[in-house]
């Protein structure tokens, strides 16, 4: 009897569950996270209802995240007149987020991961905590798409185009 058979079945099942978990967020209402901005002011993601919102989970230790931030800033400025907003949620110690933001400012709001849930990116369909991780939320609050990784400006523009 082949002893690898059960392992292969288990691996395929795990992959399938991972794909279902990853895609389960699309089409559902976004969880309304309670967050603080860099100045300590309280916010909810529902404050951005009526806009097309790209929620970008990032960390200052993540090189792709650092490269993405100025690109997302340009994309946000380019599409702002169409009701588009970027919200960055820093996944790290709040003081490290504040320091990085002070040294590398962007025009979009940056929020801190300083409250429950402790891993908000997982709440949005990213069980492995891959960064950067972006979630596109429609004007009605429903999740339209998710993406793990970074893009150049043209890539972000292409990814967003069907939703603008």
Protein backbone atom coordinates (compact mmCIF):
# COMPACT_ATOMS: atom_id res chain seq x y z
CA UNK A 1 0.00 0.00 0.00
CA UNK A 2 1.28 3.44 -0.92
CA UNK A 3 1.76 5.43 2.29
CA UNK A 4 2.04 8.73 0.42
CA UNK A 5 -1.57 8.53 -0.78
CA UNK A 6 -3.12 9.82 2.48
CA UNK A 7 -0.50 12.58 2.64
CA UNK A 8 -1.29 13.72 -0.88
CA UNK A 9 -5.02 13.75 -0.11
CA UNK A 10 -4.35 15.75 3.07
CA UNK A 11 -2.13 18.23 1.19
CA UNK A 12 -4.75 18.76 -1.52
CA UNK A 13 -7.48 19.24 1.11
CA UNK A 14 -5.33 21.77 3.01
CA UNK A 15 -4.64 23.67 -0.20
CA UNK A 16 -8.35 23.74 -1.02
CA UNK A 17 -9.24 25.00 2.45
CA UNK A 18 -6.55 27.66 2.18
CA UNK A 19 -7.94 28.86 -1.14
CA UNK A 20 -11.47 28.93 0.25
CA UNK A 21 -10.29 30.88 3.29
CA UNK A 22 -8.38 33.32 1.10
CA UNK A 23 -11.33 33.96 -1.20
CA UNK A 24 -14.10 33.80 1.34
CA UNK A 25 -13.76 37.52 2.07
CA UNK A 26 -14.67 38.67 -1.46
CA UNK A 27 -18.34 39.60 -1.75
CA UNK A 28 -18.95 39.85 2.00
CA UNK A 29 -19.43 42.93 4.15
CA UNK A 30 -16.17 44.25 5.49
CA UNK A 31 -15.62 43.88 9.21
CA UNK A 32 -15.88 47.34 10.75
CA UNK A 33 -12.53 47.62 12.50
CA UNK A 34 -12.09 50.07 15.34
CA UNK A 35 -8.72 51.76 14.85
CA UNK A 36 -6.62 54.69 16.03
CA UNK A 37 -4.76 57.07 13.76
CA UNK A 38 -1.22 58.22 14.48
CA UNK A 39 -2.51 60.99 16.76
CA UNK A 40 -4.61 58.60 18.85
CA UNK A 41 -7.99 59.58 17.38
CA UNK A 42 -10.54 56.76 17.11
CA UNK A 43 -11.88 55.68 13.73
CA UNK A 44 -13.98 52.95 12.17
CA UNK A 45 -13.58 51.73 8.62
CA UNK A 46 -17.28 52.47 8.10
CA UNK A 47 -16.34 56.18 8.14
CA UNK A 48 -15.15 55.64 4.58
CA UNK A 49 -18.45 54.16 3.34
CA UNK A 50 -19.43 55.80 0.07
CA UNK A 51 -15.83 55.67 -1.18
CA UNK A 52 -13.87 52.97 -2.92
CA UNK A 53 -11.30 52.10 -0.25
CA UNK A 54 -8.06 50.19 -0.53
CA UNK A 55 -7.10 48.94 2.93
CA UNK A 56 -3.40 48.18 2.89
CA UNK A 57 -1.90 46.14 5.74
CA UNK A 58 1.81 46.90 6.02
CA UNK A 59 4.77 46.97 8.40
CA UNK A 60 7.93 49.10 8.46
CA UNK A 61 10.15 45.99 8.47
CA UNK A 62 8.60 44.77 5.19
CA UNK A 63 10.64 45.93 2.15
CA UNK A 64 7.77 45.43 -0.31
CA UNK A 65 5.47 47.42 2.00
CA UNK A 66 7.97 50.27 2.15
CA UNK A 67 8.28 50.29 -1.64
CA UNK A 68 4.50 50.19 -2.03
CA UNK A 69 3.66 53.17 0.17
CA UNK A 70 4.86 56.00 -2.14
CA UNK A 71 3.30 54.19 -5.10
CA UNK A 72 -0.05 53.89 -3.28
CA UNK A 73 0.24 57.58 -2.38
CA UNK A 74 0.49 58.47 -6.10
CA UNK A 75 -2.37 56.13 -7.01
CA UNK A 76 -4.52 57.61 -4.25
CA UNK A 77 -3.81 61.17 -5.44
CA UNK A 78 -4.56 60.16 -9.04
CA UNK A 79 -7.97 58.63 -8.26
CA UNK A 80 -9.06 60.76 -5.27
CA UNK A 81 -11.45 62.80 -7.43
CA UNK A 82 -13.25 59.55 -8.26
CA UNK A 83 -14.00 58.85 -4.59
CA UNK A 84 -10.99 56.59 -4.02
CA UNK A 85 -9.11 56.40 -0.72
CA UNK A 86 -6.25 54.35 0.67
CA UNK A 87 -6.15 53.47 4.36
CA UNK A 88 -2.91 52.00 5.67
CA UNK A 89 -3.03 49.78 8.75
CA UNK A 90 0.37 49.27 10.32
CA UNK A 91 0.99 45.79 11.67
CA UNK A 92 3.74 46.47 14.21
CA UNK A 93 4.47 48.33 17.42
CA UNK A 94 2.63 51.70 17.29
CA UNK A 95 5.81 53.66 18.07
CA UNK A 96 7.65 52.02 15.17
CA UNK A 97 4.71 52.86 12.87
CA UNK A 98 4.72 56.49 14.05
CA UNK A 99 8.48 56.80 13.55
CA UNK A 100 8.35 55.31 10.07
CA UNK A 101 5.40 57.54 9.10
CA UNK A 102 7.24 60.64 10.35
CA UNK A 103 10.27 59.77 8.24
CA UNK A 104 8.23 58.70 5.17
CA UNK A 105 4.95 60.67 5.10
CA UNK A 106 2.04 59.79 2.82
CA UNK A 107 -1.19 61.67 2.07
CA UNK A 108 -3.51 58.83 2.98
CA UNK A 109 -4.62 57.99 6.53
CA UNK A 110 -2.43 55.60 8.51
CA UNK A 111 -3.97 53.60 11.32
CA UNK A 112 -2.43 51.61 14.13
CA UNK A 113 -3.03 47.98 14.92
CA UNK A 114 -3.43 48.66 18.63
CA UNK A 115 -6.60 46.86 19.55
CA UNK A 116 -8.74 43.85 18.95
CA UNK A 117 -8.43 41.99 16.77
CA UNK A 118 -4.68 41.65 17.21
CA UNK A 119 -4.29 40.51 13.57
CA UNK A 120 -6.89 42.44 11.55
CA UNK A 121 -5.38 41.25 8.26
CA UNK A 122 -6.54 37.74 9.18
CA UNK A 123 -10.07 39.04 9.68
CA UNK A 124 -9.89 40.12 6.04
CA UNK A 125 -8.98 36.71 4.62
CA UNK A 126 -5.21 36.57 5.16
CA UNK A 127 -4.73 33.66 7.59
CA UNK A 128 -0.97 33.53 7.13
CA UNK A 129 -0.42 37.23 7.81
CA UNK A 130 1.36 37.87 4.49
CA UNK A 131 2.39 41.52 4.05
CA UNK A 132 1.68 43.68 2.25
CA UNK A 133 -1.93 42.63 2.01
CA UNK A 134 -4.57 44.81 0.38
CA UNK A 135 -8.34 44.64 0.50
CA UNK A 136 -10.50 46.64 -1.89
CA UNK A 137 -13.79 47.68 -0.31
CA UNK A 138 -16.66 48.96 -2.44
CA UNK A 139 -18.67 52.09 -1.78
CA UNK A 140 -21.34 49.91 -0.15
CA UNK A 141 -18.87 48.35 2.32
CA UNK A 142 -18.58 45.00 0.55
CA UNK A 143 -15.20 43.45 -0.09
CA UNK A 144 -14.51 43.45 -3.82
CA UNK A 145 -11.04 41.93 -4.05
CA UNK A 146 -7.96 41.02 -2.05
CA UNK A 147 -4.31 40.98 -3.05
CA UNK A 148 -1.13 39.84 -1.30
CA UNK A 149 2.02 41.58 -2.54
CA UNK A 150 3.01 44.85 -4.11
CA UNK A 151 2.61 46.44 -7.52
CA UNK A 152 4.18 49.26 -9.44
CA UNK A 153 1.94 52.22 -10.26
CA UNK A 154 0.70 50.72 -13.54
CA UNK A 155 -0.08 47.44 -11.78
CA UNK A 156 -2.17 49.16 -9.12
CA UNK A 157 -3.97 51.21 -11.78
CA UNK A 158 -4.79 48.05 -13.75
CA UNK A 159 -5.98 46.22 -10.63
CA UNK A 160 -8.24 49.11 -9.60
CA UNK A 161 -9.58 50.03 -13.06
CA UNK A 162 -12.56 47.61 -13.12
CA UNK A 163 -13.86 49.05 -9.84
CA UNK A 164 -13.57 52.80 -10.45
